[in-house]
PDB file of N, CA and C in Angstrom:
ATOM      1  N   MET A   1       5.954-117.021  37.850  1.00  0.00           N
ATOM      2  CA  MET A   1       4.838-117.950  37.585  1.00  0.00           C
ATOM      3  C   MET A   1       5.221-119.445  38.534  1.00  0.00           C
ATOM      4  N   ASN A   2       3.460-119.924  38.659  1.00  0.00           N
ATOM      5  CA  ASN A   2       3.381-120.906  39.513  1.00  0.00           C
ATOM      6  C   ASN A   2       3.864-122.095  39.578  1.00  0.00           C
ATOM      7  N   SER A   3       4.330-123.003  40.400  1.00  0.00           N
ATOM      8  CA  SER A   3       4.758-124.062  39.847  1.00  0.00           C
ATOM      9  C   SER A   3       3.730-125.449  39.329  1.00  0.00           C
ATOM     10  N   LYS A   4       2.115-125.011  39.174  1.00  0.00           N
ATOM     11  CA  LYS A   4       1.114-126.027  37.812  1.00  0.00           C
ATOM     12  C   LYS A   4       1.648-125.024  37.071  1.00  0.00           C
ATOM     13  N   MET A   5       1.743-123.600  36.275  1.00  0.00           N
ATOM     14  CA  MET A   5       1.948-123.771  35.402  1.00  0.00           C
ATOM     15  C   MET A   5       3.480-124.062  35.201  1.00  0.00           C
ATOM     16  N   LEU A   6       3.957-124.225  35.684  1.00  0.00           N
ATOM     17  CA  LEU A   6       5.107-124.374  35.144  1.00  0.00           C
ATOM     18  C   LEU A   6       5.902-125.703  34.952  1.00  0.00           C
ATOM     19  N   ILE A   7       4.935-127.257  35.972  1.00  0.00           N
ATOM     20  CA  ILE A   7       4.537-127.969  35.875  1.00  0.00           C
ATOM     21  C   ILE A   7       3.723-128.656  33.998  1.00  0.00           C
ATOM     22  N   ALA A   8       3.163-127.916  33.459  1.00  0.00           N
ATOM     23  CA  ALA A   8       2.221-127.305  31.965  1.00  0.00           C
ATOM     24  C   ALA A   8       3.008-127.601  32.103  1.00  0.00           C
ATOM     25  N   LEU A   9       3.596-125.861  31.756  1.00  0.00           N
ATOM     26  CA  LEU A   9       4.802-125.781  30.128  1.00  0.00           C
ATOM     27  C   LEU A   9       5.046-126.763  30.100  1.00  0.00           C
ATOM     28  N   THR A  10       5.574-127.650  30.956  1.00  0.00           N
ATOM     29  CA  THR A  10       7.431-128.069  31.159  1.00  0.00           C
ATOM     30  C   THR A  10       6.781-129.213  30.038  1.00  0.00           C
ATOM     31  N   ALA A  11       5.653-130.117  30.472  1.00  0.00           N
ATOM     32  CA  ALA A  11       5.161-131.489  29.475  1.00  0.00           C
ATOM     33  C   ALA A  11       4.367-130.766  28.129  1.00  0.00           C
ATOM     34  N   LEU A  12       4.424-129.894  27.985  1.00  0.00           N
ATOM     35  CA  LEU A  12       3.652-129.694  26.809  1.00  0.00           C
ATOM     36  C   LEU A  12       4.592-129.206  25.479  1.00  0.00           C
ATOM     37  N   VAL A  13       5.483-128.519  25.786  1.00  0.00           N
ATOM     38  CA  VAL A  13       7.722-128.389  25.538  1.00  0.00           C
ATOM     39  C   VAL A  13       7.640-130.184  25.318  1.00  0.00           C
ATOM     40  N   LEU A  14       7.758-131.202  26.255  1.00  0.00           N
ATOM     41  CA  LEU A  14       8.112-132.264  25.930  1.00  0.00           C
ATOM     42  C   LEU A  14       7.729-133.393  24.714  1.00  0.00           C
ATOM     43  N   SER A  15       6.130-132.560  25.508  1.00  0.00           N
ATOM     44  CA  SER A  15       5.132-133.480  23.830  1.00  0.00           C
ATOM     45  C   SER A  15       5.312-132.825  22.853  1.00  0.00           C
ATOM     46  N   LEU A  16       5.397-131.952  22.610  1.00  0.00           N
ATOM     47  CA  LEU A  16       5.816-130.882  21.744  1.00  0.00           C
ATOM     48  C   LEU A  16       7.661-131.993  20.970  1.00  0.00           C
ATOM     49  N   CYS A  17       8.184-131.985  21.636  1.00  0.00           N
ATOM     50  CA  CYS A  17       9.744-132.998  21.714  1.00  0.00           C
ATOM     51  C   CYS A  17       9.354-133.447  21.132  1.00  0.00           C
ATOM     52  N   THR A  18       8.672-134.902  21.433  1.00  0.00           N
ATOM     53  CA  THR A  18       8.531-136.059  21.505  1.00  0.00           C
ATOM     54  C   THR A  18       7.807-136.544  19.398  1.00  0.00           C
ATOM     55  N   VAL A  19       6.649-135.207  19.878  1.00  0.00           N
ATOM     56  CA  VAL A  19       6.265-135.338  18.085  1.00  0.00           C
ATOM     57  C   VAL A  19       7.307-135.310  17.099  1.00  0.00           C
ATOM     58  N   THR A  20       8.318-134.158  17.112  1.00  0.00           N
ATOM     59  CA  THR A  20       9.134-133.411  16.221  1.00  0.00           C
ATOM     60  C   THR A  20      10.069-135.068  15.743  1.00  0.00           C
ATOM     61  N   TRP A  21      10.766-135.437  17.340  1.00  0.00           N
ATOM     62  CA  TRP A  21      11.724-136.562  17.455  1.00  0.00           C
ATOM     63  C   TRP A  21      10.746-137.847  16.472  1.00  0.00           C
ATOM     64  N   ALA A  22       9.428-138.269  16.674  1.00  0.00           N
ATOM     65  CA  ALA A  22       9.379-139.172  16.324  1.00  0.00           C
ATOM     66  C   ALA A  22       9.389-138.837  14.098  1.00  0.00           C
ATOM     67  N   ALA A  23       8.980-137.212  14.215  1.00  0.00           N
ATOM     68  CA  ALA A  23       8.759-137.524  12.671  1.00  0.00           C
ATOM     69  C   ALA A  23       9.972-137.192  11.923  1.00  0.00           C
ATOM     70  N   GLU A  24      11.126-137.148  12.725  1.00  0.00           N
ATOM     71  CA  GLU A  24      11.949-137.579  12.306  1.00  0.00           C
ATOM     72  C   GLU A  24      12.823-138.523  12.799  1.00  0.00           C
ATOM     73  N   ASP A  25      12.676-139.848  13.043  1.00  0.00           N
ATOM     74  CA  ASP A  25      12.982-140.847  13.082  1.00  0.00           C
ATOM     75  C   ASP A  25      12.458-141.327  12.350  1.00  0.00           C
ATOM     76  N   GLY A  26      11.100-141.322  11.878  1.00  0.00           N
ATOM     77  CA  GLY A  26      10.727-141.499  10.688  1.00  0.00           C
ATOM     78  C   GLY A  26      11.266-141.636   9.146  1.00  0.00           C
ATOM     79  N   GLN A  27      11.171-140.137   8.888  1.00  0.00           N
ATOM     80  CA  GLN A  27      11.872-139.777   7.651  1.00  0.00           C
ATOM     81  C   GLN A  27      12.953-140.827   7.811  1.00  0.00           C
ATOM     82  N   ALA A  28      13.913-141.335   9.403  1.00  0.00           N
ATOM     83  CA  ALA A  28      15.779-141.560   8.778  1.00  0.00           C
ATOM     84  C   ALA A  28      14.460-143.007   8.629  1.00  0.00           C
ATOM     85  N   LEU A  29      14.173-143.653   9.481  1.00  0.00           N
ATOM     86  CA  LEU A  29      14.148-144.398   8.965  1.00  0.00           C
ATOM     87  C   LEU A  29      13.302-145.376   7.911  1.00  0.00           C
ATOM     88  N   TYR A  30      12.679-143.797   6.814  1.00  0.00           N
ATOM     89  CA  TYR A  30      11.920-144.935   5.989  1.00  0.00           C
ATOM     90  C   TYR A  30      12.899-144.779   5.161  1.00  0.00           C
ATOM     91  N   LYS A  31      14.062-142.790   4.584  1.00  0.00           N
ATOM     92  CA  LYS A  31      15.427-142.962   4.567  1.00  0.00           C
ATOM     93  C   LYS A  31      15.886-144.792   4.145  1.00  0.00           C
ATOM     94  N   ALA A  32      16.166-144.828   5.072  1.00  0.00           N
ATOM     95  CA  ALA A  32      17.616-146.373   5.160  1.00  0.00           C
ATOM     96  C   ALA A  32      16.055-147.455   5.078  1.00  0.00           C
ATOM     97  N   LYS A  33      15.560-147.776   5.160  1.00  0.00           N
ATOM     98  CA  LYS A  33      14.515-149.072   4.909  1.00  0.00           C
ATOM     99  C   LYS A  33      13.385-149.237   3.387  1.00  0.00           C
ATOM    100  N   CYS A  34      12.810-147.509   3.360  1.00  0.00           N
ATOM    101  CA  CYS A  34      12.099-147.776   2.357  1.00  0.00           C
ATOM    102  C   CYS A  34      11.851-147.335   0.829  1.00  0.00           C
ATOM    103  N   ALA A  35      13.156-146.045   1.323  1.00  0.00           N
ATOM    104  CA  ALA A  35      13.695-145.832   0.397  1.00  0.00           C
ATOM    105  C   ALA A  35      13.608-145.892  -1.854  1.00  0.00           C
ATOM    106  N   SER A  36      15.713-146.802  -1.096  1.00  0.00           N
ATOM    107  CA  SER A  36      15.997-147.262  -2.066  1.00  0.00           C
ATOM    108  C   SER A  36      15.111-148.191  -3.110  1.00  0.00           C
ATOM    109  N   CYS A  37      13.600-148.641  -2.652  1.00  0.00           N
ATOM    110  CA  CYS A  37      12.484-148.735  -3.745  1.00  0.00           C
ATOM    111  C   CYS A  37      11.467-148.096  -4.263  1.00  0.00           C
ATOM    112  N   HIS A  38      11.354-147.299  -2.900  1.00  0.00           N
ATOM    113  CA  HIS A  38       9.433-146.429  -2.700  1.00  0.00           C
ATOM    114  C   HIS A  38      10.199-145.154  -4.074  1.00  0.00           C
ATOM    115  N   GLY A  39      11.674-144.529  -4.046  1.00  0.00           N
ATOM    116  CA  GLY A  39      11.664-143.455  -3.890  1.00  0.00           C
ATOM    117  C   GLY A  39      11.746-142.570  -2.955  1.00  0.00           C
ATOM    118  N   ALA A  40      12.777-141.069  -2.981  1.00  0.00           N
ATOM    119  CA  ALA A  40      12.920-140.810  -1.558  1.00  0.00           C
ATOM    120  C   ALA A  40      11.861-139.604  -1.598  1.00  0.00           C
ATOM    121  N   ASN A  41      10.828-139.471  -2.493  1.00  0.00           N
ATOM    122  CA  ASN A  41       9.858-138.706  -2.034  1.00  0.00           C
ATOM    123  C   ASN A  41       9.126-139.712  -1.922  1.00  0.00           C
ATOM    124  N   GLY A  42       8.971-141.194  -1.766  1.00  0.00           N
ATOM    125  CA  GLY A  42       8.220-142.113  -2.565  1.00  0.00           C
ATOM    126  C   GLY A  42       7.299-142.042  -3.713  1.00  0.00           C
ATOM    127  N   GLU A  43       8.561-142.105  -4.733  1.00  0.00           N
ATOM    128  CA  GLU A  43       7.704-141.415  -6.499  1.00  0.00           C
ATOM    129  C   GLU A  43       7.551-142.947  -6.912  1.00  0.00           C
ATOM    130  N   GLY A  44       8.083-143.853  -6.163  1.00  0.00           N
ATOM    131  CA  GLY A  44       7.884-145.270  -6.584  1.00  0.00           C
ATOM    132  C   GLY A  44       9.170-145.794  -7.700  1.00  0.00           C
ATOM    133  N   LYS A  45       9.275-146.596  -8.131  1.00  0.00           N
ATOM    134  CA  LYS A  45      10.319-147.006  -9.218  1.00  0.00           C
ATOM    135  C   LYS A  45      10.156-147.803 -10.200  1.00  0.00           C
ATOM    136  N   PRO A  46       9.464-147.272 -11.093  1.00  0.00           N
ATOM    137  CA  PRO A  46       8.699-148.417 -12.262  1.00  0.00           C
ATOM    138  C   PRO A  46       9.791-149.692 -12.113  1.00  0.00           C
ATOM    139  N   SER A  47      11.396-149.682 -12.859  1.00  0.00           N
ATOM    140  CA  SER A  47      12.275-150.369 -13.430  1.00  0.00           C
ATOM    141  C   SER A  47      11.939-151.336 -12.347  1.00  0.00           C
ATOM    142  N   MET A  48      11.424-151.298 -10.902  1.00  0.00           N
ATOM    143  CA  MET A  48      11.887-151.884  -9.652  1.00  0.00           C
ATOM    144  C   MET A  48      10.054-153.333  -9.331  1.00  0.00           C
ATOM    145  N   LYS A  49       9.594-152.662 -10.743  1.00  0.00           N
ATOM    146  CA  LYS A  49       8.058-152.734 -10.118  1.00  0.00           C
ATOM    147  C   LYS A  49       7.446-151.933  -8.776  1.00  0.00           C
ATOM    148  N   ALA A  50       8.181-151.289  -8.405  1.00  0.00           N
ATOM    149  CA  ALA A  50       7.863-150.817  -6.774  1.00  0.00           C
ATOM    150  C   ALA A  50       7.102-149.542  -6.858  1.00  0.00           C
ATOM    151  N   PRO A  51       6.095-149.709  -6.076  1.00  0.00           N
ATOM    152  CA  PRO A  51       4.947-148.564  -6.278  1.00  0.00           C
ATOM    153  C   PRO A  51       4.820-146.938  -5.425  1.00  0.00           C
ATOM    154  N   PRO A  52       3.878-146.449  -5.767  1.00  0.00           N
ATOM    155  CA  PRO A  52       4.551-145.130  -5.653  1.00  0.00           C
ATOM    156  C   PRO A  52       3.516-145.101  -4.793  1.00  0.00           C
ATOM    157  N   ILE A  53       4.068-144.599  -3.272  1.00  0.00           N
ATOM    158  CA  ILE A  53       3.690-144.691  -1.885  1.00  0.00           C
ATOM    159  C   ILE A  53       2.474-142.850  -1.259  1.00  0.00           C
ATOM    160  N   LYS A  54       3.499-142.724  -2.045  1.00  0.00           N
ATOM    161  CA  LYS A  54       3.090-140.686  -1.983  1.00  0.00           C
ATOM    162  C   LYS A  54       2.029-141.203  -1.954  1.00  0.00           C
ATOM    163  N   GLY A  55       1.208-140.349  -0.972  1.00  0.00           N
ATOM    164  CA  GLY A  55      -0.611-139.837  -1.153  1.00  0.00           C
ATOM    165  C   GLY A  55      -1.276-141.010  -1.653  1.00  0.00           C
ATOM    166  N   SER A  56      -1.018-142.319  -1.142  1.00  0.00           N
ATOM    167  CA  SER A  56      -1.598-143.239  -0.957  1.00  0.00           C
ATOM    168  C   SER A  56      -2.812-143.690   0.302  1.00  0.00           C
ATOM    169  N   SER A  57      -3.819-144.376   0.371  1.00  0.00           N
ATOM    170  CA  SER A  57      -4.992-143.952   0.844  1.00  0.00           C
ATOM    171  C   SER A  57      -4.436-145.428   1.547  1.00  0.00           C
ATOM    172  N   LEU A  58      -3.613-145.961   1.997  1.00  0.00           N
ATOM    173  CA  LEU A  58      -3.543-147.179   2.345  1.00  0.00           C
ATOM    174  C   LEU A  58      -2.332-147.066   3.851  1.00  0.00           C
ATOM    175  N   THR A  59      -1.951-145.429   4.656  1.00  0.00           N
ATOM    176  CA  THR A  59      -1.451-145.451   5.476  1.00  0.00           C
ATOM    177  C   THR A  59      -1.806-145.624   6.515  1.00  0.00           C
ATOM    178  N   SER A  60      -3.144-145.826   6.347  1.00  0.00           N
ATOM    179  CA  SER A  60      -3.998-146.462   7.784  1.00  0.00           C
ATOM    180  C   SER A  60      -2.901-147.742   8.255  1.00  0.00           C
ATOM    181  N   LYS A  61      -2.971-149.064   7.040  1.00  0.00           N
ATOM    182  CA  LYS A  61      -2.344-149.762   7.151  1.00  0.00           C
ATOM    183  C   LYS A  61      -0.514-150.669   7.284  1.00  0.00           C
ATOM    184  N   LEU A  62      -0.081-149.108   6.726  1.00  0.00           N
ATOM    185  CA  LEU A  62       1.186-148.984   6.646  1.00  0.00           C
ATOM    186  C   LEU A  62       2.188-150.215   8.024  1.00  0.00           C
ATOM    187  N   PRO A  63       1.675-149.778   9.052  1.00  0.00           N
ATOM    188  CA  PRO A  63       2.829-149.962   9.880  1.00  0.00           C
ATOM    189  C   PRO A  63       1.819-151.749   9.824  1.00  0.00           C
ATOM    190  N   ASP A  64       0.927-152.082  10.104  1.00  0.00           N
ATOM    191  CA  ASP A  64       1.180-153.777   9.786  1.00  0.00           C
ATOM    192  C   ASP A  64       2.088-154.222   8.667  1.00  0.00           C
ATOM    193  N   HIS A  65       2.026-153.560   7.762  1.00  0.00           N
ATOM    194  CA  HIS A  65       1.730-154.113   5.983  1.00  0.00           C
ATOM    195  C   HIS A  65       3.849-153.927   6.359  1.00  0.00           C
ATOM    196  N   ILE A  66       3.821-152.878   6.872  1.00  0.00           N
ATOM    197  CA  ILE A  66       6.006-153.195   7.146  1.00  0.00           C
ATOM    198  C   ILE A  66       6.362-154.277   7.990  1.00  0.00           C
ATOM    199  N   THR A  67       5.184-154.115   9.965  1.00  0.00           N
ATOM    200  CA  THR A  67       6.021-155.865  11.122  1.00  0.00           C
ATOM    201  C   THR A  67       5.608-157.208  10.285  1.00  0.00           C
ATOM    202  N   LYS A  68       4.040-156.750   9.537  1.00  0.00           N
ATOM    203  CA  LYS A  68       3.987-158.634   9.251  1.00  0.00           C
ATOM    204  C   LYS A  68       3.898-159.247   8.464  1.00  0.00           C
ATOM    205  N   GLY A  69       3.414-158.186   6.752  1.00  0.00           N
ATOM    206  CA  GLY A  69       3.972-158.531   5.701  1.00  0.00           C
ATOM    207  C   GLY A  69       2.216-158.333   5.458  1.00  0.00           C
ATOM    208  N   ASP A  70       2.394-159.233   4.149  1.00  0.00           N
ATOM    209  CA  ASP A  70       1.238-159.479   2.490  1.00  0.00           C
ATOM    210  C   ASP A  70       1.838-160.755   2.366  1.00  0.00           C
ATOM    211  N   SER A  71       1.358-161.842   2.477  1.00  0.00           N
ATOM    212  CA  SER A  71       1.970-162.757   1.837  1.00  0.00           C
ATOM    213  C   SER A  71       1.416-163.147   0.903  1.00  0.00           C
ATOM    214  N   LYS A  72       0.217-162.019  -0.015  1.00  0.00           N
ATOM    215  CA  LYS A  72       0.285-161.820  -1.055  1.00  0.00           C
ATOM    216  C   LYS A  72       1.163-161.018  -1.956  1.00  0.00           C
ATOM    217  N   MET A  73       1.924-160.798  -1.281  1.00  0.00           N
ATOM    218  CA  MET A  73       2.708-159.070  -1.869  1.00  0.00           C
ATOM    219  C   MET A  73       3.992-160.114  -2.639  1.00  0.00           C
ATOM    220  N   LYS A  74       4.902-159.390  -3.550  1.00  0.00           N
ATOM    221  CA  LYS A  74       5.720-160.454  -3.530  1.00  0.00           C
ATOM    222  C   LYS A  74       6.968-159.363  -2.369  1.00  0.00           C
ATOM    223  N   PRO A  75       8.906-160.483  -2.310  1.00  0.00           N
ATOM    224  CA  PRO A  75       9.261-159.763  -1.233  1.00  0.00           C
ATOM    225  C   PRO A  75       9.358-158.739  -2.019  1.00  0.00           C
ATOM    226  N   PRO A  76      10.238-157.595  -0.698  1.00  0.00           N
ATOM    227  CA  PRO A  76       9.981-157.810   0.585  1.00  0.00           C
ATOM    228  C   PRO A  76       9.292-157.655   1.886  1.00  0.00           C
ATOM    229  N   HIS A  77       7.941-157.252   0.768  1.00  0.00           N
ATOM    230  CA  HIS A  77       6.928-156.775   1.606  1.00  0.00           C
ATOM    231  C   HIS A  77       5.911-158.468   1.928  1.00  0.00           C
ATOM    232  N   ASN A  78       6.053-159.682   1.002  1.00  0.00           N
ATOM    233  CA  ASN A  78       5.960-160.624   1.805  1.00  0.00           C
ATOM    234  C   ASN A  78       5.344-161.100   2.845  1.00  0.00           C
ATOM    235  N   LYS A  79       6.544-160.198   3.797  1.00  0.00           N
ATOM    236  CA  LYS A  79       6.867-161.257   4.829  1.00  0.00           C
ATOM    237  C   LYS A  79       7.714-159.824   6.149  1.00  0.00           C
ATOM    238  N   GLY A  80       7.639-159.864   6.952  1.00  0.00           N
ATOM    239  CA  GLY A  80       7.709-158.132   7.490  1.00  0.00           C
ATOM    240  C   GLY A  80       9.501-158.008   6.723  1.00  0.00           C
ATOM    241  N   ILE A  81       8.573-156.355   7.473  1.00  0.00           N
ATOM    242  CA  ILE A  81      10.605-156.192   7.164  1.00  0.00           C
ATOM    243  C   ILE A  81      11.322-156.107   8.741  1.00  0.00           C
ATOM    244  N   PRO A  82      12.794-157.286   8.404  1.00  0.00           N
ATOM    245  CA  PRO A  82      12.537-157.501   9.498  1.00  0.00           C
ATOM    246  C   PRO A  82      14.176-155.932  10.594  1.00  0.00           C
ATOM    247  N   GLY A  83      13.693-155.741  11.081  1.00  0.00           N
ATOM    248  CA  GLY A  83      14.301-154.908  12.500  1.00  0.00           C
ATOM    249  C   GLY A  83      13.466-153.478  12.400  1.00  0.00           C
ATOM    250  N   VAL A  84      11.737-153.584  12.292  1.00  0.00           N
ATOM    251  CA  VAL A  84      10.955-152.678  12.432  1.00  0.00           C
ATOM    252  C   VAL A  84      10.153-152.725  13.697  1.00  0.00           C
ATOM    253  N   THR A  85      10.271-151.932  14.232  1.00  0.00           N
ATOM    254  CA  THR A  85       9.761-152.499  15.715  1.00  0.00           C
ATOM    255  C   THR A  85       7.975-151.448  15.209  1.00  0.00           C
ATOM    256  N   GLU A  86       7.117-151.953  16.001  1.00  0.00           N
ATOM    257  CA  GLU A  86       5.872-151.344  15.750  1.00  0.00           C
ATOM    258  C   GLU A  86       5.732-149.880  15.889  1.00  0.00           C
ATOM    259  N   GLU A  87       6.288-149.080  16.938  1.00  0.00           N
ATOM    260  CA  GLU A  87       6.633-148.185  17.228  1.00  0.00           C
ATOM    261  C   GLU A  87       7.262-147.379  15.714  1.00  0.00           C
ATOM    262  N   GLN A  88       8.235-147.865  15.180  1.00  0.00           N
ATOM    263  CA  GLN A  88       9.531-147.570  13.430  1.00  0.00           C
ATOM    264  C   GLN A  88       8.254-147.770  13.091  1.00  0.00           C
ATOM    265  N   ALA A  89       7.609-148.787  12.220  1.00  0.00           N
ATOM    266  CA  ALA A  89       6.088-148.588  11.763  1.00  0.00           C
ATOM    267  C   ALA A  89       6.003-147.705  11.779  1.00  0.00           C
ATOM    268  N   LYS A  90       4.792-146.915  12.475  1.00  0.00           N
ATOM    269  CA  LYS A  90       4.333-146.186  12.933  1.00  0.00           C
ATOM    270  C   LYS A  90       4.359-144.570  12.135  1.00  0.00           C
ATOM    271  N   ALA A  91       5.761-144.528  13.071  1.00  0.00           N
ATOM    272  CA  ALA A  91       6.334-143.185  12.956  1.00  0.00           C
ATOM    273  C   ALA A  91       7.062-143.335  10.943  1.00  0.00           C
ATOM    274  N   ILE A  92       6.985-144.465  10.176  1.00  0.00           N
ATOM    275  CA  ILE A  92       7.657-144.699   8.891  1.00  0.00           C
ATOM    276  C   ILE A  92       6.424-144.655   8.428  1.00  0.00           C
ATOM    277  N   ALA A  93       4.476-144.623   8.433  1.00  0.00           N
ATOM    278  CA  ALA A  93       3.406-144.621   8.148  1.00  0.00           C
ATOM    279  C   ALA A  93       3.069-143.059   8.477  1.00  0.00           C
ATOM    280  N   GLU A  94       3.655-142.364   9.537  1.00  0.00           N
ATOM    281  CA  GLU A  94       2.957-141.138   9.924  1.00  0.00           C
ATOM    282  C   GLU A  94       4.232-140.299   8.431  1.00  0.00           C
ATOM    283  N   TYR A  95       5.153-140.132   8.633  1.00  0.00           N
ATOM    284  CA  TYR A  95       5.959-139.991   7.395  1.00  0.00           C
ATOM    285  C   TYR A  95       6.292-139.648   6.172  1.00  0.00           C
ATOM    286  N   VAL A  96       5.272-140.385   5.930  1.00  0.00           N
ATOM    287  CA  VAL A  96       5.345-141.370   4.187  1.00  0.00           C
ATOM    288  C   VAL A  96       3.631-140.470   3.994  1.00  0.00           C
ATOM    289  N   LYS A  97       2.786-140.189   5.220  1.00  0.00           N
ATOM    290  CA  LYS A  97       1.515-139.153   5.503  1.00  0.00           C
ATOM    291  C   LYS A  97       1.874-137.619   4.873  1.00  0.00           C
ATOM    292  N   THR A  98       3.492-137.281   5.524  1.00  0.00           N
ATOM    293  CA  THR A  98       3.573-136.066   4.247  1.00  0.00           C
ATOM    294  C   THR A  98       4.293-135.803   3.197  1.00  0.00           C
ATOM    295  N   LEU A  99       4.375-136.733   2.835  1.00  0.00           N
ATOM    296  CA  LEU A  99       4.629-136.847   1.420  1.00  0.00           C
ATOM    297  C   LEU A  99       3.981-135.987   0.453  1.00  0.00           C
ATOM    298  N   ASN A 100       2.527-136.311   0.649  1.00  0.00           N
ATOM    299  CA  ASN A 100       1.537-135.974  -0.123  1.00  0.00           C
ATOM    300  C   ASN A 100       2.011-134.511  -1.622  1.00  0.00           C
TER     301      ASN A 100
END
């Protein structure tokens, strides 16, 4: 195998690993930060008035919702979720897309 092909193959493997790690991180972050209210599978918890997010059409807005909040929402979503970075919020949003 020539060196150019080896470099290309290595880059491909590393990029695939990064995608897998991000998905795993999103799942772990969701479980740690979101599941207690929105349910393990995104089904929501009516008793807490926490809406389902499984199948939501708002996943593209989810990272901003997580990091910045919305003043019209009730806590904890009236402000950003403490300790969640933009990259982590994107990983959570990507995980939520898989809950469909």
